[in-house]
Protein backbone atom coordinates (compact mmCIF):
# COMPACT_ATOMS: atom_id res chain seq x y z
CA UNK A 1 0.00 0.00 0.00
CA UNK A 2 1.50 3.31 -1.05
CA UNK A 3 1.23 6.64 0.69
CA UNK A 4 -1.05 7.74 -2.14
CA UNK A 5 -3.53 4.91 -1.51
CA UNK A 6 -3.37 5.50 2.26
CA UNK A 7 -4.38 9.12 1.68
CA UNK A 8 -7.28 8.01 -0.55
CA UNK A 9 -8.44 5.51 2.10
CA UNK A 10 -8.30 8.20 4.79
CA UNK A 11 -10.36 10.56 2.64
CA UNK A 12 -12.94 7.83 1.99
CA UNK A 13 -13.32 7.19 5.73
CA UNK A 14 -13.63 10.92 6.34
CA UNK A 15 -16.23 11.17 3.56
CA UNK A 16 -18.40 8.46 5.16
CA UNK A 17 -18.41 10.38 8.45
CA UNK A 18 -19.49 13.59 6.74
CA UNK A 19 -22.16 11.71 4.79
CA UNK A 20 -23.64 10.28 7.98
CA UNK A 21 -23.76 13.72 9.58
CA UNK A 22 -25.34 15.28 6.49
CA UNK A 23 -22.51 17.75 5.78
CA UNK A 24 -22.97 17.98 2.02
CA UNK A 25 -20.51 20.84 1.54
CA UNK A 26 -17.73 18.85 3.20
CA UNK A 27 -18.62 15.74 1.16
CA UNK A 28 -18.23 17.82 -2.01
CA UNK A 29 -14.82 19.01 -0.85
CA UNK A 30 -13.69 15.45 -0.15
CA UNK A 31 -14.96 14.34 -3.58
CA UNK A 32 -12.92 17.11 -5.21
CA UNK A 33 -9.81 16.06 -3.27
CA UNK A 34 -10.33 12.44 -4.31
CA UNK A 35 -10.64 13.45 -7.96
CA UNK A 36 -7.41 15.45 -7.72
CA UNK A 37 -5.69 12.28 -6.52
CA UNK A 38 -7.07 10.43 -9.54
CA UNK A 39 -9.70 8.40 -7.67
CA UNK A 40 -13.00 7.92 -9.47
CA UNK A 41 -15.96 5.87 -8.31
CA UNK A 42 -19.69 5.71 -8.99
CA UNK A 43 -20.67 7.16 -5.61
CA UNK A 44 -18.59 10.30 -6.10
CA UNK A 45 -21.14 12.87 -7.10
CA UNK A 46 -20.84 16.30 -8.54
CA UNK A 47 -23.21 17.85 -6.05
CA UNK A 48 -23.11 15.18 -3.32
CA UNK A 49 -26.66 15.79 -2.19
CA UNK A 50 -27.48 13.29 0.50
CA UNK A 51 -30.51 15.00 1.98
CA UNK A 52 -32.74 17.61 0.40
CA UNK A 53 -31.58 21.17 0.97
CA UNK A 54 -35.09 22.39 1.69
CA UNK A 55 -36.27 23.13 5.18
CA UNK A 56 -39.15 21.20 6.65
CA UNK A 57 -41.88 22.93 8.58
CA UNK A 58 -42.43 21.54 12.03
CA UNK A 59 -45.82 21.76 13.66
CA UNK A 60 -45.48 23.68 16.95
CA UNK A 61 -46.21 21.78 20.14
CA UNK A 62 -49.62 22.35 21.68
CA UNK A 63 -49.61 24.60 24.71
CA UNK A 64 -50.78 23.14 27.97
CA UNK A 65 -53.68 24.90 29.59
CA UNK A 66 -53.44 25.90 33.22
CA UNK A 67 -56.35 25.88 35.57
CA UNK A 68 -56.95 29.15 37.15
PDB file of N, CA and C in Angstrom:
ATOM      1  N   UNK A   1       0.855  -1.173   0.000  1.00  0.00           N
ATOM      2  CA  UNK A   1       0.000   0.000   0.000  1.00  0.00           C
ATOM      3  C   UNK A   1       0.904   1.241   0.000  1.00  0.00           C
ATOM      4  N   UNK A   2       0.680   2.102  -0.938  1.00  0.00           N
ATOM      5  CA  UNK A   2       1.499   3.307  -1.050  1.00  0.00           C
ATOM      6  C   UNK A   2       0.919   4.434  -0.212  1.00  0.00           C
ATOM      7  N   UNK A   3       1.698   5.469  -0.065  1.00  0.00           N
ATOM      8  CA  UNK A   3       1.229   6.638   0.687  1.00  0.00           C
ATOM      9  C   UNK A   3       0.035   7.269  -0.011  1.00  0.00           C
ATOM     10  N   UNK A   4       0.045   7.179  -1.350  1.00  0.00           N
ATOM     11  CA  UNK A   4      -1.051   7.738  -2.141  1.00  0.00           C
ATOM     12  C   UNK A   4      -2.363   7.009  -1.833  1.00  0.00           C
ATOM     13  N   UNK A   5      -2.311   5.680  -1.787  1.00  0.00           N
ATOM     14  CA  UNK A   5      -3.527   4.909  -1.512  1.00  0.00           C
ATOM     15  C   UNK A   5      -3.953   5.056  -0.049  1.00  0.00           C
ATOM     16  N   UNK A   6      -3.014   5.261   0.860  1.00  0.00           N
ATOM     17  CA  UNK A   6      -3.373   5.497   2.257  1.00  0.00           C
ATOM     18  C   UNK A   6      -4.126   6.815   2.401  1.00  0.00           C
ATOM     19  N   UNK A   7      -3.705   7.814   1.647  1.00  0.00           N
ATOM     20  CA  UNK A   7      -4.377   9.118   1.679  1.00  0.00           C
ATOM     21  C   UNK A   7      -5.792   8.995   1.118  1.00  0.00           C
ATOM     22  N   UNK A   8      -5.949   8.228   0.040  1.00  0.00           N
ATOM     23  CA  UNK A   8      -7.276   8.010  -0.547  1.00  0.00           C
ATOM     24  C   UNK A   8      -8.169   7.290   0.455  1.00  0.00           C
ATOM     25  N   UNK A   9      -7.649   6.246   1.111  1.00  0.00           N
ATOM     26  CA  UNK A   9      -8.443   5.514   2.101  1.00  0.00           C
ATOM     27  C   UNK A   9      -8.856   6.412   3.261  1.00  0.00           C
ATOM     28  N   UNK A  10      -7.962   7.275   3.703  1.00  0.00           N
ATOM     29  CA  UNK A  10      -8.297   8.198   4.791  1.00  0.00           C
ATOM     30  C   UNK A  10      -9.398   9.166   4.364  1.00  0.00           C
ATOM     31  N   UNK A  11      -9.321   9.651   3.135  1.00  0.00           N
ATOM     32  CA  UNK A  11     -10.360  10.557   2.636  1.00  0.00           C
ATOM     33  C   UNK A  11     -11.705   9.839   2.515  1.00  0.00           C
ATOM     34  N   UNK A  12     -11.686   8.580   2.108  1.00  0.00           N
ATOM     35  CA  UNK A  12     -12.937   7.829   1.991  1.00  0.00           C
ATOM     36  C   UNK A  12     -13.588   7.626   3.359  1.00  0.00           C
ATOM     37  N   UNK A  13     -12.780   7.351   4.370  1.00  0.00           N
ATOM     38  CA  UNK A  13     -13.317   7.194   5.726  1.00  0.00           C
ATOM     39  C   UNK A  13     -13.892   8.521   6.213  1.00  0.00           C
ATOM     40  N   UNK A  14     -13.168   9.598   5.946  1.00  0.00           N
ATOM     41  CA  UNK A  14     -13.634  10.924   6.338  1.00  0.00           C
ATOM     42  C   UNK A  14     -14.943  11.267   5.623  1.00  0.00           C
ATOM     43  N   UNK A  15     -15.039  10.896   4.354  1.00  0.00           N
ATOM     44  CA  UNK A  15     -16.234  11.170   3.558  1.00  0.00           C
ATOM     45  C   UNK A  15     -17.456  10.471   4.143  1.00  0.00           C
ATOM     46  N   UNK A  16     -17.283   9.214   4.570  1.00  0.00           N
ATOM     47  CA  UNK A  16     -18.397   8.461   5.165  1.00  0.00           C
ATOM     48  C   UNK A  16     -18.919   9.170   6.412  1.00  0.00           C
ATOM     49  N   UNK A  17     -18.002   9.663   7.232  1.00  0.00           N
ATOM     50  CA  UNK A  17     -18.414  10.380   8.446  1.00  0.00           C
ATOM     51  C   UNK A  17     -19.213  11.632   8.125  1.00  0.00           C
ATOM     52  N   UNK A  18     -18.763  12.382   7.135  1.00  0.00           N
ATOM     53  CA  UNK A  18     -19.488  13.593   6.744  1.00  0.00           C
ATOM     54  C   UNK A  18     -20.839  13.253   6.128  1.00  0.00           C
ATOM     55  N   UNK A  19     -20.895  12.139   5.380  1.00  0.00           N
ATOM     56  CA  UNK A  19     -22.161  11.706   4.789  1.00  0.00           C
ATOM     57  C   UNK A  19     -23.181  11.386   5.869  1.00  0.00           C
ATOM     58  N   UNK A  20     -22.738  10.660   6.883  1.00  0.00           N
ATOM     59  CA  UNK A  20     -23.641  10.275   7.977  1.00  0.00           C
ATOM     60  C   UNK A  20     -24.169  11.481   8.731  1.00  0.00           C
ATOM     61  N   UNK A  21     -23.339  12.515   8.854  1.00  0.00           N
ATOM     62  CA  UNK A  21     -23.757  13.721   9.578  1.00  0.00           C
ATOM     63  C   UNK A  21     -24.498  14.707   8.692  1.00  0.00           C
ATOM     64  N   UNK A  22     -24.585  14.417   7.395  1.00  0.00           N
ATOM     65  CA  UNK A  22     -25.340  15.283   6.490  1.00  0.00           C
ATOM     66  C   UNK A  22     -24.615  16.549   6.086  1.00  0.00           C
ATOM     67  N   UNK A  23     -23.294  16.563   6.136  1.00  0.00           N
ATOM     68  CA  UNK A  23     -22.514  17.747   5.784  1.00  0.00           C
ATOM     69  C   UNK A  23     -22.167  17.702   4.299  1.00  0.00           C
ATOM     70  N   UNK A  24     -23.122  18.115   3.466  1.00  0.00           N
ATOM     71  CA  UNK A  24     -22.972  17.979   2.016  1.00  0.00           C
ATOM     72  C   UNK A  24     -21.845  18.832   1.459  1.00  0.00           C
ATOM     73  N   UNK A  25     -21.603  19.993   2.026  1.00  0.00           N
ATOM     74  CA  UNK A  25     -20.508  20.840   1.539  1.00  0.00           C
ATOM     75  C   UNK A  25     -19.161  20.160   1.746  1.00  0.00           C
ATOM     76  N   UNK A  26     -18.989  19.546   2.901  1.00  0.00           N
ATOM     77  CA  UNK A  26     -17.727  18.853   3.195  1.00  0.00           C
ATOM     78  C   UNK A  26     -17.564  17.626   2.303  1.00  0.00           C
ATOM     79  N   UNK A  27     -18.675  16.911   2.034  1.00  0.00           N
ATOM     80  CA  UNK A  27     -18.618  15.742   1.156  1.00  0.00           C
ATOM     81  C   UNK A  27     -18.150  16.171  -0.234  1.00  0.00           C
ATOM     82  N   UNK A  28     -18.659  17.301  -0.709  1.00  0.00           N
ATOM     83  CA  UNK A  28     -18.233  17.822  -2.013  1.00  0.00           C
ATOM     84  C   UNK A  28     -16.740  18.127  -2.031  1.00  0.00           C
ATOM     85  N   UNK A  29     -16.238  18.697  -0.943  1.00  0.00           N
ATOM     86  CA  UNK A  29     -14.817  19.014  -0.854  1.00  0.00           C
ATOM     87  C   UNK A  29     -13.964  17.745  -0.865  1.00  0.00           C
ATOM     88  N   UNK A  30     -14.426  16.716  -0.161  1.00  0.00           N
ATOM     89  CA  UNK A  30     -13.694  15.448  -0.147  1.00  0.00           C
ATOM     90  C   UNK A  30     -13.724  14.822  -1.543  1.00  0.00           C
ATOM     91  N   UNK A  31     -14.869  14.879  -2.216  1.00  0.00           N
ATOM     92  CA  UNK A  31     -14.965  14.344  -3.578  1.00  0.00           C
ATOM     93  C   UNK A  31     -13.983  15.049  -4.509  1.00  0.00           C
ATOM     94  N   UNK A  32     -13.871  16.354  -4.385  1.00  0.00           N
ATOM     95  CA  UNK A  32     -12.919  17.107  -5.208  1.00  0.00           C
ATOM     96  C   UNK A  32     -11.484  16.678  -4.927  1.00  0.00           C
ATOM     97  N   UNK A  33     -11.168  16.486  -3.635  1.00  0.00           N
ATOM     98  CA  UNK A  33      -9.814  16.060  -3.269  1.00  0.00           C
ATOM     99  C   UNK A  33      -9.517  14.664  -3.811  1.00  0.00           C
ATOM    100  N   UNK A  34     -10.520  13.785  -3.775  1.00  0.00           N
ATOM    101  CA  UNK A  34     -10.330  12.436  -4.314  1.00  0.00           C
ATOM    102  C   UNK A  34     -10.098  12.469  -5.823  1.00  0.00           C
ATOM    103  N   UNK A  35     -10.834  13.325  -6.513  1.00  0.00           N
ATOM    104  CA  UNK A  35     -10.644  13.447  -7.962  1.00  0.00           C
ATOM    105  C   UNK A  35      -9.249  13.979  -8.296  1.00  0.00           C
ATOM    106  N   UNK A  36      -8.763  14.916  -7.494  1.00  0.00           N
ATOM    107  CA  UNK A  36      -7.414  15.454  -7.720  1.00  0.00           C
ATOM    108  C   UNK A  36      -6.349  14.376  -7.567  1.00  0.00           C
ATOM    109  N   UNK A  37      -6.625  13.379  -6.704  1.00  0.00           N
ATOM    110  CA  UNK A  37      -5.687  12.279  -6.523  1.00  0.00           C
ATOM    111  C   UNK A  37      -5.865  11.190  -7.584  1.00  0.00           C
ATOM    112  N   UNK A  38      -6.847  11.381  -8.466  1.00  0.00           N
ATOM    113  CA  UNK A  38      -7.074  10.426  -9.543  1.00  0.00           C
ATOM    114  C   UNK A  38      -8.019   9.299  -9.181  1.00  0.00           C
ATOM    115  N   UNK A  39      -8.756   9.434  -8.095  1.00  0.00           N
ATOM    116  CA  UNK A  39      -9.701   8.400  -7.666  1.00  0.00           C
ATOM    117  C   UNK A  39     -11.069   8.718  -8.237  1.00  0.00           C
ATOM    118  N   UNK A  40     -11.643   7.766  -8.939  1.00  0.00           N
ATOM    119  CA  UNK A  40     -13.002   7.916  -9.475  1.00  0.00           C
ATOM    120  C   UNK A  40     -13.817   6.708  -9.062  1.00  0.00           C
ATOM    121  N   UNK A  41     -15.046   6.937  -8.675  1.00  0.00           N
ATOM    122  CA  UNK A  41     -15.962   5.865  -8.306  1.00  0.00           C
ATOM    123  C   UNK A  41     -17.375   6.336  -8.580  1.00  0.00           C
ATOM    124  N   UNK A  42     -18.299   5.383  -8.681  1.00  0.00           N
ATOM    125  CA  UNK A  42     -19.694   5.712  -8.994  1.00  0.00           C
ATOM    126  C   UNK A  42     -20.351   6.575  -7.925  1.00  0.00           C
ATOM    127  N   UNK A  43     -19.987   6.393  -6.652  1.00  0.00           N
ATOM    128  CA  UNK A  43     -20.671   7.160  -5.612  1.00  0.00           C
ATOM    129  C   UNK A  43     -20.115   8.561  -5.430  1.00  0.00           C
ATOM    130  N   UNK A  44     -19.050   8.909  -6.126  1.00  0.00           N
ATOM    131  CA  UNK A  44     -18.595  10.300  -6.099  1.00  0.00           C
ATOM    132  C   UNK A  44     -19.559  11.099  -6.958  1.00  0.00           C
ATOM    133  N   UNK A  45     -20.149  12.091  -6.378  1.00  0.00           N
ATOM    134  CA  UNK A  45     -21.140  12.873  -7.100  1.00  0.00           C
ATOM    135  C   UNK A  45     -20.617  14.274  -7.347  1.00  0.00           C
ATOM    136  N   UNK A  46     -21.249  14.928  -8.264  1.00  0.00           N
ATOM    137  CA  UNK A  46     -20.837  16.303  -8.542  1.00  0.00           C
ATOM    138  C   UNK A  46     -21.407  17.262  -7.514  1.00  0.00           C
ATOM    139  N   UNK A  47     -22.605  16.970  -7.037  1.00  0.00           N
ATOM    140  CA  UNK A  47     -23.210  17.852  -6.048  1.00  0.00           C
ATOM    141  C   UNK A  47     -23.227  17.231  -4.658  1.00  0.00           C
ATOM    142  N   UNK A  48     -23.133  15.913  -4.592  1.00  0.00           N
ATOM    143  CA  UNK A  48     -23.109  15.180  -3.323  1.00  0.00           C
ATOM    144  C   UNK A  48     -24.299  15.516  -2.434  1.00  0.00           C
ATOM    145  N   UNK A  49     -25.487  15.518  -3.008  1.00  0.00           N
ATOM    146  CA  UNK A  49     -26.660  15.786  -2.192  1.00  0.00           C
ATOM    147  C   UNK A  49     -27.122  14.492  -1.550  1.00  0.00           C
ATOM    148  N   UNK A  50     -27.080  14.468  -0.257  1.00  0.00           N
ATOM    149  CA  UNK A  50     -27.484  13.291   0.495  1.00  0.00           C
ATOM    150  C   UNK A  50     -28.907  13.484   1.002  1.00  0.00           C
ATOM    151  N   UNK A  51     -29.179  14.661   1.498  1.00  0.00           N
ATOM    152  CA  UNK A  51     -30.509  15.001   1.980  1.00  0.00           C
ATOM    153  C   UNK A  51     -30.974  16.242   1.220  1.00  0.00           C
ATOM    154  N   UNK A  52     -32.265  16.406   1.093  1.00  0.00           N
ATOM    155  CA  UNK A  52     -32.744  17.614   0.404  1.00  0.00           C
ATOM    156  C   UNK A  52     -32.318  18.882   1.140  1.00  0.00           C
ATOM    157  N   UNK A  53     -32.023  19.909   0.377  1.00  0.00           N
ATOM    158  CA  UNK A  53     -31.576  21.168   0.967  1.00  0.00           C
ATOM    159  C   UNK A  53     -32.728  22.053   1.417  1.00  0.00           C
ATOM    160  N   UNK A  54     -33.951  21.588   1.285  1.00  0.00           N
ATOM    161  CA  UNK A  54     -35.091  22.387   1.688  1.00  0.00           C
ATOM    162  C   UNK A  54     -35.378  22.190   3.170  1.00  0.00           C
ATOM    163  N   UNK A  55     -35.913  23.217   3.772  1.00  0.00           N
ATOM    164  CA  UNK A  55     -36.271  23.132   5.177  1.00  0.00           C
ATOM    165  C   UNK A  55     -37.652  22.516   5.311  1.00  0.00           C
ATOM    166  N   UNK A  56     -37.849  21.815   6.398  1.00  0.00           N
ATOM    167  CA  UNK A  56     -39.149  21.204   6.646  1.00  0.00           C
ATOM    168  C   UNK A  56     -39.848  21.977   7.750  1.00  0.00           C
ATOM    169  N   UNK A  57     -41.112  22.238   7.554  1.00  0.00           N
ATOM    170  CA  UNK A  57     -41.885  22.928   8.581  1.00  0.00           C
ATOM    171  C   UNK A  57     -42.229  21.933   9.680  1.00  0.00           C
ATOM    172  N   UNK A  58     -42.105  22.377  10.893  1.00  0.00           N
ATOM    173  CA  UNK A  58     -42.429  21.535  12.033  1.00  0.00           C
ATOM    174  C   UNK A  58     -43.630  22.142  12.732  1.00  0.00           C
ATOM    175  N   UNK A  59     -44.608  21.304  12.977  1.00  0.00           N
ATOM    176  CA  UNK A  59     -45.815  21.764  13.656  1.00  0.00           C
ATOM    177  C   UNK A  59     -45.457  22.096  15.104  1.00  0.00           C
ATOM    178  N   UNK A  60     -45.809  23.306  15.561  1.00  0.00           N
ATOM    179  CA  UNK A  60     -45.481  23.676  16.949  1.00  0.00           C
ATOM    180  C   UNK A  60     -46.218  22.797  17.950  1.00  0.00           C
ATOM    181  N   UNK A  61     -45.600  22.588  19.095  1.00  0.00           N
ATOM    182  CA  UNK A  61     -46.213  21.784  20.144  1.00  0.00           C
ATOM    183  C   UNK A  61     -47.424  22.532  20.701  1.00  0.00           C
ATOM    184  N   UNK A  62     -48.421  21.764  21.085  1.00  0.00           N
ATOM    185  CA  UNK A  62     -49.623  22.351  21.676  1.00  0.00           C
ATOM    186  C   UNK A  62     -49.289  22.871  23.081  1.00  0.00           C
ATOM    187  N   UNK A  63     -49.834  24.027  23.387  1.00  0.00           N
ATOM    188  CA  UNK A  63     -49.605  24.605  24.712  1.00  0.00           C
ATOM    189  C   UNK A  63     -50.515  23.939  25.737  1.00  0.00           C
ATOM    190  N   UNK A  64     -49.979  23.711  26.900  1.00  0.00           N
ATOM    191  CA  UNK A  64     -50.783  23.138  27.970  1.00  0.00           C
ATOM    192  C   UNK A  64     -51.589  24.230  28.635  1.00  0.00           C
ATOM    193  N   UNK A  65     -52.821  23.922  28.917  1.00  0.00           N
ATOM    194  CA  UNK A  65     -53.682  24.899  29.590  1.00  0.00           C
ATOM    195  C   UNK A  65     -53.499  24.770  31.093  1.00  0.00           C
ATOM    196  N   UNK A  66     -53.528  25.902  31.758  1.00  0.00           N
ATOM    197  CA  UNK A  66     -53.441  25.900  33.223  1.00  0.00           C
ATOM    198  C   UNK A  66     -54.801  26.226  33.797  1.00  0.00           C
ATOM    199  N   UNK A  67     -55.083  25.594  34.889  1.00  0.00           N
ATOM    200  CA  UNK A  67     -56.351  25.876  35.570  1.00  0.00           C
ATOM    201  C   UNK A  67     -56.191  27.128  36.394  1.00  0.00           C
ATOM    202  N   UNK A  68     -57.146  27.965  36.347  1.00  0.00           N
ATOM    203  CA  UNK A  68     -56.953  29.147  37.147  1.00  0.00           C
ATOM    204  C   UNK A  68     -58.072  30.021  37.213  1.00  0.00           C
TER     205      UNK A  68
END
